[in-house]
Protein backbone atom coordinates (compact mmCIF):
# COMPACT_ATOMS: atom_id res chain seq x y z
CA MET A 1 4.33 17.71 -10.54
CA ASN A 2 6.80 14.95 -9.78
CA ILE A 3 5.50 11.76 -8.16
CA THR A 4 7.89 9.34 -6.51
CA ALA A 5 6.74 5.88 -5.49
CA PHE A 6 8.82 4.70 -2.57
CA ILE A 7 8.83 1.24 -1.09
CA PRO A 8 10.35 0.75 2.38
CA LEU A 9 11.73 -2.77 2.75
CA LYS A 10 13.58 -4.63 5.43
CA LYS A 11 15.08 -8.08 5.34
CA PHE A 12 13.58 -9.55 8.50
CA SER A 13 9.95 -9.93 9.52
CA ASN A 14 8.83 -11.06 12.96
CA ARG A 15 5.40 -12.36 11.98
CA LEU A 16 6.39 -14.21 8.80
CA PRO A 17 10.12 -14.95 8.47
CA ASN A 18 11.75 -14.02 5.17
CA LYS A 19 8.39 -12.63 4.06
CA ASN A 20 9.53 -10.21 1.37
CA PHE A 21 11.59 -12.90 -0.36
CA LEU A 22 8.89 -15.60 -0.38
CA PRO A 23 7.98 -16.64 -3.93
CA ILE A 24 4.67 -15.98 -5.63
CA GLY A 25 4.48 -17.28 -9.15
CA GLY A 26 8.21 -18.01 -9.09
CA LYS A 27 9.16 -14.40 -8.28
CA PRO A 28 9.95 -12.87 -4.87
CA LEU A 29 7.03 -11.17 -3.19
CA TYR A 30 8.71 -7.77 -3.22
CA THR A 31 8.96 -7.65 -7.02
CA HIS A 32 5.25 -7.85 -7.85
CA LEU A 33 4.16 -4.35 -6.82
CA LEU A 34 7.38 -2.89 -8.25
CA ARG A 35 6.61 -4.38 -11.66
CA THR A 36 3.21 -2.70 -11.53
CA LEU A 37 4.53 0.70 -10.46
CA VAL A 38 7.13 1.00 -13.23
CA LYS A 39 4.36 0.66 -15.83
CA SER A 40 2.80 3.97 -14.80
CA SER A 41 3.51 7.01 -16.96
CA LEU A 42 2.27 9.18 -14.08
CA ILE A 43 5.05 8.11 -11.69
CA LYS A 44 8.47 9.64 -12.34
CA ASN A 45 10.57 7.57 -9.94
CA VAL A 46 10.15 4.18 -8.26
CA VAL A 47 12.49 3.75 -5.31
CA VAL A 48 13.21 0.84 -2.96
CA TYR A 49 14.38 2.19 0.40
CA SER A 50 16.24 -0.47 2.37
CA SER A 51 19.43 -1.28 4.24
CA CYS A 52 19.46 -4.76 2.69
CA GLU A 53 21.30 -4.90 -0.62
CA GLU A 54 19.89 -8.34 -1.40
CA PHE A 55 16.79 -6.58 -2.72
CA LYS A 56 18.88 -5.26 -5.59
CA ASN A 57 19.14 -8.76 -7.08
CA ASP A 58 15.67 -8.90 -8.62
CA LEU A 59 14.70 -5.25 -9.06
CA PRO A 60 12.70 -4.66 -12.24
CA ASP A 61 14.18 -2.25 -14.78
CA GLY A 62 13.43 1.34 -13.82
CA VAL A 63 13.53 0.80 -10.05
CA GLU A 64 16.12 2.73 -8.06
CA PHE A 65 17.66 1.35 -4.88
CA ILE A 66 18.59 3.73 -2.07
CA ARG A 67 20.35 2.39 0.98
CA ARG A 68 18.80 3.62 4.21
CA PRO A 69 20.43 3.84 7.66
CA GLU A 70 20.38 0.51 9.49
CA TYR A 71 18.91 2.04 12.64
CA LEU A 72 15.64 2.34 10.74
CA ASP A 73 15.36 -1.47 10.81
CA ASP A 74 14.90 -1.50 14.58
CA ASP A 75 11.51 -2.78 15.73
CA THR A 76 11.00 0.37 17.83
CA VAL A 77 11.20 2.62 14.76
CA THR A 78 7.81 3.82 13.49
CA GLY A 79 6.74 4.09 9.90
CA ASP A 80 6.61 7.87 10.20
CA GLN A 81 10.29 7.97 11.12
CA ILE A 82 11.17 5.99 8.00
CA TYR A 83 8.99 8.19 5.79
CA GLU A 84 10.48 11.36 7.24
CA GLU A 85 14.05 10.18 6.67
CA PHE A 86 13.28 9.34 3.05
CA ILE A 87 11.32 12.53 2.32
CA ASN A 88 14.06 14.70 3.78
CA SER A 89 16.67 13.03 1.58
CA TYR A 90 14.74 12.50 -1.67
CA HIS A 91 12.80 15.44 -3.09
CA SER A 92 9.49 14.99 -4.85
CA ASP A 93 6.28 17.00 -5.05
CA TYR A 94 4.20 13.93 -4.22
CA TYR A 95 5.00 10.56 -2.70
CA LEU A 96 3.22 7.29 -3.26
CA LEU A 97 4.01 5.01 -0.33
CA GLY A 98 3.55 1.40 -1.39
CA HIS A 99 3.70 -1.87 0.50
CA VAL A 100 4.85 -4.99 -1.35
CA THR A 101 2.73 -7.14 0.96
CA SER A 102 -0.15 -6.21 -1.38
CA PRO A 103 1.17 -7.90 -4.54
CA PHE A 104 -2.04 -7.77 -6.57
CA LEU A 105 -2.67 -4.01 -6.58
CA LYS A 106 -3.71 -2.92 -10.04
CA LEU A 107 -2.21 -0.08 -12.04
CA GLU A 108 -5.73 1.27 -12.61
CA SER A 109 -6.31 1.70 -8.87
CA ILE A 110 -2.99 3.45 -8.36
CA GLU A 111 -3.48 5.82 -11.28
CA LEU A 112 -7.05 6.56 -10.19
CA ALA A 113 -5.61 7.81 -6.89
CA ILE A 114 -3.04 9.95 -8.66
CA LYS A 115 -5.51 11.56 -11.06
CA ASN A 116 -7.98 12.46 -8.32
CA VAL A 117 -5.29 14.08 -6.17
CA LEU A 118 -3.58 15.93 -9.01
CA ASN A 119 -6.85 17.49 -10.15
CA GLY A 120 -6.93 19.41 -6.88
CA GLU A 121 -10.19 18.08 -5.47
CA PHE A 122 -8.52 15.83 -2.88
CA ASP A 123 -5.40 16.37 -0.77
CA SER A 124 -4.34 12.71 -0.51
CA ALA A 125 -5.47 9.20 -1.40
CA LEU A 126 -5.37 5.68 -0.02
CA SER A 127 -6.53 2.17 -0.85
CA VAL A 128 -9.54 0.85 1.04
CA LYS A 129 -11.85 -2.15 1.08
CA CYS A 130 -15.56 -1.40 1.22
CA TYR A 131 -17.81 -3.55 3.42
CA LYS A 132 -21.60 -3.43 3.57
CA THR A 133 -22.24 -5.52 6.63
CA PHE A 134 -23.39 -5.12 10.22
CA THR A 135 -20.47 -3.56 12.07
CA TRP A 136 -19.74 -3.04 15.78
CA TYR A 137 -17.09 -1.19 17.77
CA LYS A 138 -16.60 -1.27 21.54
CA GLY A 139 -19.90 -3.02 22.11
CA GLU A 140 -21.94 -0.61 19.97
CA PRO A 141 -23.24 -0.93 16.40
CA ILE A 142 -21.55 1.50 14.03
CA ASN A 143 -23.70 1.63 10.93
CA TYR A 144 -27.18 0.55 12.00
CA ASN A 145 -29.74 0.76 14.78
CA ILE A 146 -30.43 -2.57 16.50
CA THR A 147 -34.04 -1.53 17.12
CA SER A 148 -34.69 -1.24 13.40
CA THR A 149 -32.48 -3.62 11.43
CA PRO A 150 -32.21 -2.49 7.78
CA GLN A 151 -31.67 -4.63 4.72
CA THR A 152 -27.99 -5.24 4.07
CA GLN A 153 -28.04 -3.30 0.81
CA ASN A 154 -29.28 -0.22 2.70
CA LEU A 155 -26.49 -0.21 5.27
CA GLU A 156 -23.99 2.63 5.34
CA PRO A 157 -20.74 1.22 3.94
CA ILE A 158 -17.66 0.83 6.15
CA PHE A 159 -14.27 1.52 4.60
CA ILE A 160 -11.15 -0.19 5.96
CA GLU A 161 -7.62 0.80 4.99
CA THR A 162 -5.79 -1.97 3.17
CA SER A 163 -2.35 -0.34 3.65
CA GLY A 164 -1.63 -1.12 -0.01
CA PHE A 165 -0.73 2.46 -0.89
CA TYR A 166 -0.97 6.06 0.29
CA LEU A 167 -0.50 9.13 -1.90
CA PHE A 168 0.30 12.52 -0.38
CA PRO A 169 2.12 15.76 -1.19
CA LYS A 170 5.44 16.50 0.45
CA SER A 171 3.98 19.59 2.12
CA LEU A 172 1.29 17.55 3.87
CA PHE A 173 3.76 15.25 5.56
CA LEU A 174 6.22 17.98 6.48
CA ASN A 175 3.48 20.14 8.00
CA THR A 176 1.47 17.46 9.77
CA ARG A 177 3.61 14.27 9.82
CA ARG A 178 0.60 12.50 8.30
CA ARG A 179 0.20 10.52 5.10
CA ILE A 180 -3.57 11.20 5.01
CA GLY A 181 -4.96 14.71 4.68
CA LEU A 182 -8.30 16.21 5.67
CA LYS A 183 -9.93 15.39 2.32
CA PRO A 184 -8.59 12.04 1.11
CA TYR A 185 -9.76 10.17 -1.95
CA LEU A 186 -10.67 6.60 -1.03
CA VAL A 187 -9.80 4.11 -3.75
CA GLU A 188 -12.01 1.06 -3.36
CA VAL A 189 -9.96 -1.98 -4.33
CA SER A 190 -11.05 -5.50 -5.13
CA ALA A 191 -10.80 -8.50 -2.84
CA SER A 192 -7.59 -9.67 -4.52
CA GLU A 193 -6.03 -6.20 -4.35
CA SER A 194 -6.80 -6.04 -0.64
CA ILE A 195 -4.83 -9.21 0.14
CA ASP A 196 -2.14 -8.12 2.61
CA ILE A 197 0.52 -10.66 3.50
CA ASP A 198 1.51 -10.56 7.16
CA TYR A 199 1.02 -14.16 8.26
CA MET A 200 1.43 -17.62 6.73
CA ASP A 201 -2.31 -17.92 6.10
CA ASP A 202 -2.16 -14.66 4.09
CA TYR A 203 0.72 -16.03 2.06
CA LYS A 204 -1.15 -19.26 1.34
CA LEU A 205 -4.19 -17.24 0.24
CA ALA A 206 -2.06 -15.12 -2.07
CA ASN A 207 -0.51 -18.19 -3.67
CA ALA A 208 -3.89 -19.83 -4.08
CA PHE A 209 -5.24 -16.71 -5.76
CA TYR A 210 -2.24 -16.47 -8.05
CA GLU A 211 -2.45 -20.11 -9.11
CA SER A 212 -6.17 -19.89 -9.82
CA ASN A 213 -5.85 -16.68 -11.84
CA LYS A 214 -2.49 -16.90 -13.58
CA ASP A 215 -4.09 -17.67 -16.93
CA LYS A 216 -6.92 -15.16 -16.74
CA ASP A 217 -7.69 -11.62 -15.70
CA ASP A 218 -8.85 -10.94 -12.09
């Protein structure tokens, strides 16, 4: 079963200008996840999908660059439209959609997703952060009864997508236009892995984490 990791990238970002090129540890943001992905023996191809050829300048060895149509850079274009264009032009049995805004994803988390999907028990996988805390939605508690407040350790956990990565078979997306199936495997990632850079504060947090951990394991 072939697995292709594909990374959609565009040059401009509305929320954080020049985001994908901002340095972390002296290397552009977009290179960190790529350097992790190429280490996996379970992933056959690692592909950057972008209309901006500047990304070719610092691609790690083993990463392929495919130029995508420029219309896909329009702010009105959805992620699903980008994924569909890539999937229809680049065959693979499975796709691992990765986002470089999560630079600290670990190889172990990615390969855990792959192994649990390939063994047939799950139809897809995604990275999530687990929270055991009192949670509300639309004015109502989600995971506890306010008339009988439990101890925190006894709360039902809440899982939030980190958007770090999604793994799915080609057939799932073509049949449903979804990257998550009916029985997904949830990969619980650490606090550092769940860092997602969208705003300047996120970028500052990522740099602070890198600087405090560059000489030791997370």
